Amino acid sequence: IASSNDKKVIIWDAISGAQRTTLKQDASWVLSCAIDSTGSLVVTTTYEIAKIIEIKTGKSKLLRGHVGGDVNDCDLSNDDKFVLTAGDDKTARLWDVKSGLELVKYRGHTSYVYSCAFTSCGTR
């Protein structure tokens, strides 16, 4: 899976390289993306918004909370229950996948937060 300045998220078959799905977004660009372990949900980020998208239906939930800049990165927990985002507002945020609600705002950086990740155990 990869995102681009062309407003698209593309999912390829990892072995053959065949393009499997293209998700066209209405944002001016898609900064980052992540896919869940079942291949049914994608998370994307852009200016002030992260979005959880159901691949089959195209239905989405907007994750609003970062303000004043881009949401630079996202990651899904190994159990697919949580999304972590990183933003220009100097915060990282934890979201519930089912409800789309913000659970925790992580503060402490004094500049843009460019990336974020869960550990392989998914608890840090």
Foldseek 3Di string as FASTA:
>chain_A
DWWWQQQWDWDADPPPRHTDDIDHHPANTWQEKEAAPVRQWMWTWFFQWIWIAGRVPRDIDIQGDDDDGTFQEWYAFNVRQWIWIWFQSQWIWIAGPVPSDTDDIGHDGPGGDHYDYADNVRPD
